């Protein structure tokens, strides 16, 4: 009886996350590529990455125009690339991101609505699919960012044990 109980306890311990693990809680019944919540143990180090804005993709366009930075998808791609490079410089990577806040400006080409579809097309290149370490995330539409050509700004919080 005791060996069977011990074996069951060991199996349960192996299946359950350790107290020192970063735990990403899935959204029940959903395959949407964000976490419902993320639990970070006190042994993890937190890394706050300031909001990143798009890179210029067309230097011949006016520096304060959407044409200089591209549409929401293009801007999201360049911002996420910057974030990945910053994280790698800190010996981290995209799976270490535990929280993301996304600020989208309404796109004039979309009737002033935030292009969440364009953002998601860029986002899912980094999160979802084979990358299962999903962050908790918020996406908000804002009236403007400090450069009129910017449609996207993203800040992240990363954690590593």
N, C-alpha and C. Protein backbone atom coordinates (compact mmCIF):
# COMPACT_ATOMS: atom_id res chain seq x y z
N UNK A 1 0.82 -1.19 0.00
CA UNK A 1 0.00 0.00 0.00
C UNK A 1 0.87 1.25 0.00
N UNK A 2 1.89 1.29 0.84
CA UNK A 2 2.76 2.46 0.92
C UNK A 2 3.50 2.69 -0.40
N UNK A 3 4.09 1.64 -1.05
CA UNK A 3 4.77 1.89 -2.32
C UNK A 3 3.81 2.45 -3.38
N UNK A 4 2.58 1.96 -3.42
CA UNK A 4 1.61 2.46 -4.40
C UNK A 4 1.28 3.93 -4.14
N UNK A 5 1.11 4.29 -2.89
CA UNK A 5 0.81 5.68 -2.53
C UNK A 5 2.00 6.58 -2.86
N UNK A 6 3.21 6.06 -2.60
CA UNK A 6 4.42 6.83 -2.90
C UNK A 6 4.56 7.05 -4.41
N UNK A 7 4.29 6.00 -5.20
CA UNK A 7 4.36 6.12 -6.66
C UNK A 7 3.34 7.14 -7.16
N UNK A 8 2.13 7.10 -6.61
CA UNK A 8 1.08 8.06 -7.01
C UNK A 8 1.50 9.48 -6.65
N UNK A 9 2.07 9.68 -5.49
CA UNK A 9 2.53 11.00 -5.07
C UNK A 9 3.64 11.51 -5.99
N UNK A 10 4.55 10.62 -6.38
CA UNK A 10 5.63 11.02 -7.28
C UNK A 10 5.09 11.39 -8.65
N UNK A 11 4.10 10.65 -9.16
CA UNK A 11 3.50 10.97 -10.45
C UNK A 11 2.81 12.33 -10.39
N UNK A 12 2.09 12.58 -9.31
CA UNK A 12 1.39 13.85 -9.16
C UNK A 12 2.38 15.01 -9.09
N UNK A 13 3.47 14.80 -8.38
CA UNK A 13 4.49 15.84 -8.25
C UNK A 13 5.14 16.12 -9.60
N UNK A 14 5.34 15.07 -10.40
CA UNK A 14 5.96 15.26 -11.72
C UNK A 14 5.03 16.02 -12.66
N UNK A 15 3.74 15.79 -12.54
CA UNK A 15 2.77 16.44 -13.43
C UNK A 15 2.49 17.88 -13.02
N UNK A 16 2.55 18.14 -11.73
CA UNK A 16 2.25 19.49 -11.24
C UNK A 16 3.48 20.38 -11.38
N UNK A 17 3.29 21.67 -11.68
CA UNK A 17 4.44 22.55 -11.76
C UNK A 17 5.09 22.72 -10.40
N UNK A 18 6.39 22.92 -10.40
CA UNK A 18 7.11 23.16 -9.16
C UNK A 18 6.84 24.59 -8.72
N UNK A 19 6.97 24.84 -7.44
CA UNK A 19 6.72 26.18 -6.92
C UNK A 19 7.67 27.20 -7.55
N UNK A 20 8.82 26.75 -8.06
CA UNK A 20 9.80 27.67 -8.64
C UNK A 20 9.61 27.85 -10.15
N UNK A 21 8.57 27.23 -10.74
CA UNK A 21 8.32 27.35 -12.16
C UNK A 21 7.47 28.57 -12.48
N UNK A 22 7.71 29.15 -13.66
CA UNK A 22 6.81 30.15 -14.19
C UNK A 22 5.65 29.39 -14.81
N UNK A 23 4.44 29.69 -14.37
CA UNK A 23 3.26 28.93 -14.81
C UNK A 23 2.39 29.84 -15.67
N UNK A 24 2.07 29.36 -16.86
CA UNK A 24 1.17 30.09 -17.76
C UNK A 24 -0.17 29.37 -17.76
N UNK A 25 -1.18 30.06 -17.30
CA UNK A 25 -2.51 29.48 -17.19
C UNK A 25 -3.25 29.70 -18.51
N UNK A 26 -3.68 28.61 -19.11
CA UNK A 26 -4.38 28.68 -20.39
C UNK A 26 -5.80 29.20 -20.22
N UNK A 27 -6.31 29.80 -21.28
CA UNK A 27 -7.71 30.20 -21.29
C UNK A 27 -8.51 28.93 -21.50
N UNK A 28 -9.40 28.57 -20.59
CA UNK A 28 -10.16 27.33 -20.73
C UNK A 28 -10.94 27.27 -22.05
N UNK A 29 -10.79 26.16 -22.75
CA UNK A 29 -11.54 25.92 -23.98
C UNK A 29 -11.17 26.82 -25.13
N UNK A 30 -9.98 27.43 -25.10
CA UNK A 30 -9.59 28.37 -26.15
C UNK A 30 -8.19 28.06 -26.65
N UNK A 31 -7.97 28.32 -27.93
CA UNK A 31 -6.62 28.21 -28.47
C UNK A 31 -6.07 29.59 -28.84
N UNK A 32 -6.72 30.66 -28.34
CA UNK A 32 -6.25 32.02 -28.60
C UNK A 32 -4.85 32.16 -28.01
N UNK A 33 -3.89 32.76 -28.73
CA UNK A 33 -2.49 32.72 -28.31
C UNK A 33 -2.08 33.74 -27.24
N UNK A 34 -2.82 33.76 -26.14
CA UNK A 34 -2.40 34.52 -24.96
C UNK A 34 -2.69 33.66 -23.74
N UNK A 35 -2.04 33.99 -22.64
CA UNK A 35 -2.30 33.31 -21.38
C UNK A 35 -3.41 34.05 -20.64
N UNK A 36 -4.23 33.30 -19.93
CA UNK A 36 -5.24 33.90 -19.06
C UNK A 36 -4.54 34.66 -17.93
N UNK A 37 -3.48 34.06 -17.43
CA UNK A 37 -2.67 34.64 -16.36
C UNK A 37 -1.32 33.94 -16.36
N UNK A 38 -0.35 34.57 -15.72
CA UNK A 38 0.98 33.99 -15.57
C UNK A 38 1.37 34.13 -14.11
N UNK A 39 1.83 33.03 -13.52
CA UNK A 39 2.29 33.04 -12.14
C UNK A 39 3.81 32.98 -12.15
N UNK A 40 4.43 33.92 -11.46
CA UNK A 40 5.89 34.01 -11.43
C UNK A 40 6.36 33.77 -10.01
N UNK A 41 7.27 32.82 -9.82
CA UNK A 41 7.75 32.54 -8.46
C UNK A 41 8.71 33.63 -7.99
N UNK A 42 8.89 33.73 -6.68
CA UNK A 42 9.80 34.77 -6.16
C UNK A 42 11.25 34.55 -6.57
N UNK A 43 11.59 33.38 -7.07
CA UNK A 43 12.96 33.09 -7.48
C UNK A 43 13.27 33.58 -8.89
N UNK A 44 12.26 34.08 -9.61
CA UNK A 44 12.48 34.56 -10.98
C UNK A 44 12.94 36.02 -10.95
N UNK A 45 13.71 36.38 -11.95
CA UNK A 45 14.12 37.77 -12.13
C UNK A 45 13.20 38.40 -13.16
N UNK A 46 12.68 39.58 -12.84
CA UNK A 46 11.79 40.30 -13.76
C UNK A 46 12.58 41.32 -14.56
N UNK A 47 12.24 41.44 -15.83
CA UNK A 47 12.90 42.37 -16.74
C UNK A 47 11.82 43.22 -17.41
N UNK A 48 11.82 44.51 -17.14
CA UNK A 48 10.84 45.43 -17.70
C UNK A 48 11.44 46.09 -18.94
N UNK A 49 10.82 45.87 -20.09
CA UNK A 49 11.31 46.46 -21.34
C UNK A 49 10.39 47.62 -21.70
N UNK A 50 10.97 48.79 -21.81
CA UNK A 50 10.20 50.00 -22.15
C UNK A 50 9.48 49.83 -23.47
N UNK A 51 8.44 50.64 -23.65
CA UNK A 51 7.68 50.62 -24.89
C UNK A 51 8.59 50.84 -26.09
N UNK A 52 8.42 50.00 -27.09
CA UNK A 52 9.19 50.10 -28.33
C UNK A 52 8.27 50.53 -29.45
N UNK A 53 8.82 51.34 -30.35
CA UNK A 53 8.04 51.89 -31.46
C UNK A 53 8.64 51.40 -32.77
N UNK A 54 7.91 51.58 -33.87
CA UNK A 54 8.33 51.02 -35.15
C UNK A 54 9.62 51.61 -35.71
N UNK A 55 10.26 50.82 -36.55
CA UNK A 55 11.43 51.26 -37.31
C UNK A 55 10.96 51.84 -38.64
N UNK A 56 11.74 52.74 -39.17
CA UNK A 56 11.45 53.30 -40.49
C UNK A 56 11.62 52.20 -41.54
N UNK A 57 10.63 52.04 -42.41
CA UNK A 57 10.74 51.06 -43.50
C UNK A 57 10.84 51.74 -44.86
N UNK A 58 10.53 53.04 -44.90
CA UNK A 58 10.65 53.80 -46.15
C UNK A 58 11.24 55.17 -45.82
N UNK A 59 12.57 55.28 -45.98
CA UNK A 59 13.26 56.52 -45.61
C UNK A 59 12.97 57.67 -46.57
N UNK A 60 12.36 57.36 -47.71
CA UNK A 60 12.01 58.44 -48.64
C UNK A 60 10.69 59.13 -48.27
N UNK A 61 9.94 58.52 -47.37
CA UNK A 61 8.66 59.10 -46.92
C UNK A 61 8.91 60.11 -45.80
N UNK A 62 7.97 61.01 -45.62
CA UNK A 62 8.06 62.00 -44.53
C UNK A 62 8.24 61.27 -43.19
N UNK A 63 9.15 61.75 -42.33
CA UNK A 63 9.46 61.03 -41.08
C UNK A 63 8.33 60.99 -40.07
N UNK A 64 7.27 61.73 -40.28
CA UNK A 64 6.14 61.70 -39.35
C UNK A 64 4.89 61.14 -40.03
N UNK A 65 5.13 60.29 -41.05
CA UNK A 65 4.00 59.73 -41.81
C UNK A 65 3.89 58.23 -41.61
N UNK A 66 2.70 57.72 -41.77
CA UNK A 66 2.48 56.27 -41.71
C UNK A 66 3.29 55.58 -42.81
N UNK A 67 3.42 56.24 -43.96
CA UNK A 67 4.18 55.66 -45.06
C UNK A 67 5.63 55.36 -44.66
N UNK A 68 6.22 56.16 -43.78
CA UNK A 68 7.59 55.94 -43.34
C UNK A 68 7.73 54.66 -42.51
N UNK A 69 6.67 54.28 -41.81
CA UNK A 69 6.73 53.16 -40.88
C UNK A 69 5.93 51.95 -41.33
N UNK A 70 5.02 52.11 -42.27
CA UNK A 70 4.21 51.00 -42.77
C UNK A 70 2.89 50.87 -42.03
N UNK A 71 2.11 49.90 -42.47
CA UNK A 71 0.80 49.64 -41.86
C UNK A 71 0.98 48.96 -40.50
N UNK A 72 -0.11 48.69 -39.84
CA UNK A 72 -0.05 48.11 -38.49
C UNK A 72 0.72 46.80 -38.46
N UNK A 73 0.50 45.94 -39.44
CA UNK A 73 1.23 44.67 -39.45
C UNK A 73 2.73 44.91 -39.57
N UNK A 74 3.13 45.75 -40.51
CA UNK A 74 4.54 46.04 -40.71
C UNK A 74 5.14 46.67 -39.46
N UNK A 75 4.43 47.63 -38.89
CA UNK A 75 4.93 48.29 -37.67
C UNK A 75 5.04 47.28 -36.53
N UNK A 76 4.05 46.41 -36.39
CA UNK A 76 4.10 45.40 -35.33
C UNK A 76 5.29 44.47 -35.52
N UNK A 77 5.55 44.09 -36.76
CA UNK A 77 6.70 43.21 -37.05
C UNK A 77 8.00 43.88 -36.64
N UNK A 78 8.18 45.18 -36.98
CA UNK A 78 9.45 45.83 -36.63
C UNK A 78 9.57 46.04 -35.12
N UNK A 79 8.46 46.32 -34.46
CA UNK A 79 8.49 46.49 -33.00
C UNK A 79 8.83 45.17 -32.32
N UNK A 80 8.19 44.08 -32.73
CA UNK A 80 8.47 42.77 -32.12
C UNK A 80 9.90 42.33 -32.41
N UNK A 81 10.42 42.69 -33.57
CA UNK A 81 11.83 42.38 -33.89
C UNK A 81 12.75 43.14 -32.94
N UNK A 82 12.46 44.43 -32.69
CA UNK A 82 13.26 45.21 -31.74
C UNK A 82 13.22 44.58 -30.35
N UNK A 83 12.02 44.19 -29.93
CA UNK A 83 11.88 43.58 -28.59
C UNK A 83 12.70 42.30 -28.52
N UNK A 84 12.62 41.49 -29.55
CA UNK A 84 13.40 40.24 -29.56
C UNK A 84 14.89 40.53 -29.46
N UNK A 85 15.37 41.53 -30.17
CA UNK A 85 16.79 41.90 -30.12
C UNK A 85 17.19 42.41 -28.73
N UNK A 86 16.34 43.22 -28.13
CA UNK A 86 16.61 43.72 -26.77
C UNK A 86 16.70 42.54 -25.80
N UNK A 87 15.72 41.64 -25.88
CA UNK A 87 15.71 40.48 -24.99
C UNK A 87 16.97 39.63 -25.19
N UNK A 88 17.33 39.38 -26.44
CA UNK A 88 18.52 38.57 -26.71
C UNK A 88 19.77 39.23 -26.14
N UNK A 89 19.82 40.56 -26.18
CA UNK A 89 20.94 41.28 -25.58
C UNK A 89 21.00 41.11 -24.07
N UNK A 90 19.88 40.73 -23.48
CA UNK A 90 19.80 40.48 -22.03
C UNK A 90 19.86 38.99 -21.72
N UNK A 91 20.20 38.18 -22.72
CA UNK A 91 20.25 36.70 -22.60
C UNK A 91 18.86 36.11 -22.34
N UNK A 92 17.84 36.72 -22.96
CA UNK A 92 16.46 36.26 -22.88
C UNK A 92 15.94 36.07 -24.29
N UNK A 93 14.71 35.57 -24.41
CA UNK A 93 14.10 35.42 -25.72
C UNK A 93 12.59 35.60 -25.58
N UNK A 94 11.89 35.56 -26.70
CA UNK A 94 10.45 35.81 -26.69
C UNK A 94 9.68 34.87 -25.75
N UNK A 95 10.04 33.60 -25.61
CA UNK A 95 9.30 32.75 -24.65
C UNK A 95 9.41 33.21 -23.20
N UNK A 96 10.35 34.12 -22.90
CA UNK A 96 10.48 34.64 -21.55
C UNK A 96 9.52 35.79 -21.27
N UNK A 97 8.82 36.29 -22.30
CA UNK A 97 7.85 37.37 -22.11
C UNK A 97 6.65 36.81 -21.35
N UNK A 98 6.31 37.47 -20.24
CA UNK A 98 5.17 37.01 -19.44
C UNK A 98 3.99 37.97 -19.50
N UNK A 99 4.24 39.22 -19.88
CA UNK A 99 3.18 40.23 -19.96
C UNK A 99 3.50 41.19 -21.08
N UNK A 100 2.50 41.51 -21.88
CA UNK A 100 2.66 42.44 -23.00
C UNK A 100 1.51 43.43 -22.98
N UNK A 101 1.85 44.69 -23.16
CA UNK A 101 0.84 45.72 -23.34
C UNK A 101 1.07 46.34 -24.71
N UNK A 102 0.00 46.36 -25.51
CA UNK A 102 0.07 46.84 -26.89
C UNK A 102 -0.83 48.07 -27.02
N UNK A 103 -0.25 49.13 -27.57
CA UNK A 103 -0.99 50.36 -27.82
C UNK A 103 -1.12 50.50 -29.34
N UNK A 104 -2.35 50.49 -29.82
CA UNK A 104 -2.61 50.64 -31.25
C UNK A 104 -3.35 51.95 -31.50
N UNK A 105 -2.90 52.68 -32.50
CA UNK A 105 -3.59 53.89 -32.93
C UNK A 105 -4.55 53.48 -34.03
N UNK A 106 -5.71 54.09 -34.06
CA UNK A 106 -6.65 53.84 -35.14
C UNK A 106 -6.02 54.19 -36.48
N UNK A 107 -6.11 53.28 -37.42
CA UNK A 107 -5.52 53.47 -38.75
C UNK A 107 -6.50 54.23 -39.63
N UNK A 108 -6.09 55.38 -40.18
CA UNK A 108 -6.99 56.13 -41.07
C UNK A 108 -7.48 55.27 -42.24
N UNK A 109 -6.66 54.34 -42.71
CA UNK A 109 -7.06 53.47 -43.81
C UNK A 109 -8.12 52.45 -43.39
N UNK A 110 -8.34 52.32 -42.09
CA UNK A 110 -9.34 51.39 -41.54
C UNK A 110 -10.48 52.16 -40.89
N UNK A 111 -10.70 53.37 -41.32
CA UNK A 111 -11.79 54.17 -40.76
C UNK A 111 -11.55 54.61 -39.34
N UNK A 112 -10.27 54.71 -38.93
CA UNK A 112 -9.94 55.13 -37.58
C UNK A 112 -10.00 54.02 -36.55
N UNK A 113 -10.21 52.80 -36.99
CA UNK A 113 -10.24 51.64 -36.08
C UNK A 113 -8.86 51.02 -35.98
N UNK A 114 -8.52 50.50 -34.83
CA UNK A 114 -7.25 49.80 -34.65
C UNK A 114 -7.26 48.54 -35.52
N UNK A 115 -6.17 48.29 -36.18
CA UNK A 115 -6.04 47.11 -37.04
C UNK A 115 -5.53 45.93 -36.21
N UNK A 116 -6.42 45.36 -35.40
CA UNK A 116 -6.01 44.24 -34.56
C UNK A 116 -5.66 43.01 -35.39
N UNK A 117 -6.29 42.87 -36.54
CA UNK A 117 -5.96 41.73 -37.42
C UNK A 117 -4.51 41.85 -37.90
N UNK A 118 -4.12 43.03 -38.34
CA UNK A 118 -2.73 43.24 -38.77
C UNK A 118 -1.76 42.99 -37.64
N UNK A 119 -2.10 43.48 -36.43
CA UNK A 119 -1.25 43.22 -35.27
C UNK A 119 -1.13 41.72 -35.01
N UNK A 120 -2.26 41.01 -35.01
CA UNK A 120 -2.25 39.57 -34.72
C UNK A 120 -1.43 38.79 -35.75
N UNK A 121 -1.44 39.22 -37.01
CA UNK A 121 -0.63 38.54 -38.03
C UNK A 121 0.85 38.61 -37.68
N UNK A 122 1.30 39.73 -37.15
CA UNK A 122 2.70 39.86 -36.71
C UNK A 122 2.93 39.11 -35.40
N UNK A 123 2.01 39.27 -34.46
CA UNK A 123 2.13 38.66 -33.13
C UNK A 123 2.26 37.13 -33.22
N UNK A 124 1.44 36.52 -34.06
CA UNK A 124 1.44 35.05 -34.13
C UNK A 124 2.68 34.49 -34.82
N UNK A 125 3.53 35.34 -35.36
CA UNK A 125 4.82 34.87 -35.84
C UNK A 125 5.75 34.55 -34.67
N UNK A 126 5.43 35.10 -33.49
CA UNK A 126 6.27 34.92 -32.31
C UNK A 126 5.58 34.14 -31.19
N UNK A 127 4.26 34.19 -31.13
CA UNK A 127 3.51 33.58 -30.03
C UNK A 127 2.38 32.74 -30.58
N UNK A 128 2.23 31.54 -30.02
CA UNK A 128 1.21 30.61 -30.51
C UNK A 128 1.89 29.56 -31.37
N UNK A 129 1.12 28.64 -31.88
CA UNK A 129 1.69 27.57 -32.69
C UNK A 129 2.68 26.76 -31.87
N UNK A 130 3.92 26.66 -32.35
CA UNK A 130 4.93 25.87 -31.65
C UNK A 130 5.49 26.61 -30.43
N UNK A 131 5.28 27.92 -30.33
CA UNK A 131 5.74 28.69 -29.17
C UNK A 131 4.61 28.71 -28.16
N UNK A 132 4.71 27.85 -27.17
CA UNK A 132 3.61 27.67 -26.21
C UNK A 132 3.76 28.52 -24.95
N UNK A 133 4.87 29.23 -24.80
CA UNK A 133 5.06 30.10 -23.63
C UNK A 133 4.39 31.44 -23.92
N UNK A 134 3.10 31.48 -23.70
CA UNK A 134 2.31 32.65 -24.07
C UNK A 134 2.27 33.68 -22.94
N UNK A 135 2.29 34.97 -23.30
CA UNK A 135 2.20 36.01 -22.28
C UNK A 135 0.75 36.36 -21.96
N UNK A 136 0.54 36.91 -20.78
CA UNK A 136 -0.71 37.62 -20.51
C UNK A 136 -0.60 38.89 -21.34
N UNK A 137 -1.73 39.40 -21.84
CA UNK A 137 -1.61 40.51 -22.79
C UNK A 137 -2.83 41.42 -22.74
N UNK A 138 -2.59 42.71 -22.99
CA UNK A 138 -3.66 43.68 -23.17
C UNK A 138 -3.38 44.44 -24.46
N UNK A 139 -4.42 44.68 -25.24
CA UNK A 139 -4.32 45.49 -26.45
C UNK A 139 -5.34 46.61 -26.31
N UNK A 140 -4.87 47.85 -26.42
CA UNK A 140 -5.77 48.98 -26.30
C UNK A 140 -5.60 49.91 -27.49
N UNK A 141 -6.68 50.56 -27.87
CA UNK A 141 -6.59 51.59 -28.90
C UNK A 141 -6.41 52.93 -28.19
N UNK A 142 -5.42 53.68 -28.66
CA UNK A 142 -5.15 55.00 -28.10
C UNK A 142 -5.38 56.05 -29.17
N UNK A 143 -5.57 57.30 -28.75
CA UNK A 143 -5.84 58.38 -29.70
C UNK A 143 -4.63 58.68 -30.56
N UNK A 144 -3.43 58.61 -29.98
CA UNK A 144 -2.22 58.93 -30.73
C UNK A 144 -0.99 58.50 -29.95
N UNK A 145 0.12 58.41 -30.67
CA UNK A 145 1.44 58.23 -30.05
C UNK A 145 2.24 59.49 -30.38
N UNK A 146 3.44 59.62 -29.87
CA UNK A 146 4.17 60.89 -30.00
C UNK A 146 4.61 61.22 -31.43
N UNK A 147 4.70 60.23 -32.31
CA UNK A 147 4.97 60.49 -33.73
C UNK A 147 3.69 60.15 -34.49
N UNK A 148 3.17 61.05 -35.29
CA UNK A 148 1.91 60.77 -36.00
C UNK A 148 1.97 59.58 -36.96
N UNK A 149 3.18 59.14 -37.30
CA UNK A 149 3.31 57.99 -38.20
C UNK A 149 3.26 56.65 -37.48
N UNK A 150 3.35 56.69 -36.16
CA UNK A 150 3.35 55.43 -35.40
C UNK A 150 1.93 54.97 -35.14
N UNK A 151 1.68 53.71 -35.46
CA UNK A 151 0.39 53.08 -35.18
C UNK A 151 0.51 52.07 -34.03
N UNK A 152 1.75 51.75 -33.62
CA UNK A 152 1.99 50.67 -32.65
C UNK A 152 3.08 51.05 -31.66
N UNK A 153 2.86 50.74 -30.39
CA UNK A 153 3.90 50.74 -29.37
C UNK A 153 3.64 49.53 -28.49
N UNK A 154 4.70 48.81 -28.15
CA UNK A 154 4.56 47.60 -27.33
C UNK A 154 5.60 47.63 -26.21
N UNK A 155 5.12 47.34 -24.98
CA UNK A 155 6.04 47.15 -23.86
C UNK A 155 5.84 45.73 -23.34
N UNK A 156 6.93 45.16 -22.80
CA UNK A 156 6.83 43.80 -22.29
C UNK A 156 7.51 43.68 -20.93
N UNK A 157 7.10 42.65 -20.25
CA UNK A 157 7.72 42.22 -18.99
C UNK A 157 8.15 40.79 -19.24
N UNK A 158 9.42 40.51 -18.98
CA UNK A 158 9.94 39.15 -19.15
C UNK A 158 10.39 38.63 -17.79
N UNK A 159 10.44 37.32 -17.65
CA UNK A 159 10.88 36.71 -16.39
C UNK A 159 11.69 35.47 -16.71
N UNK A 160 12.69 35.24 -15.89
CA UNK A 160 13.55 34.06 -16.07
C UNK A 160 13.94 33.56 -14.68
N UNK A 161 13.89 32.24 -14.51
CA UNK A 161 14.29 31.64 -13.23
C UNK A 161 15.79 31.64 -13.13
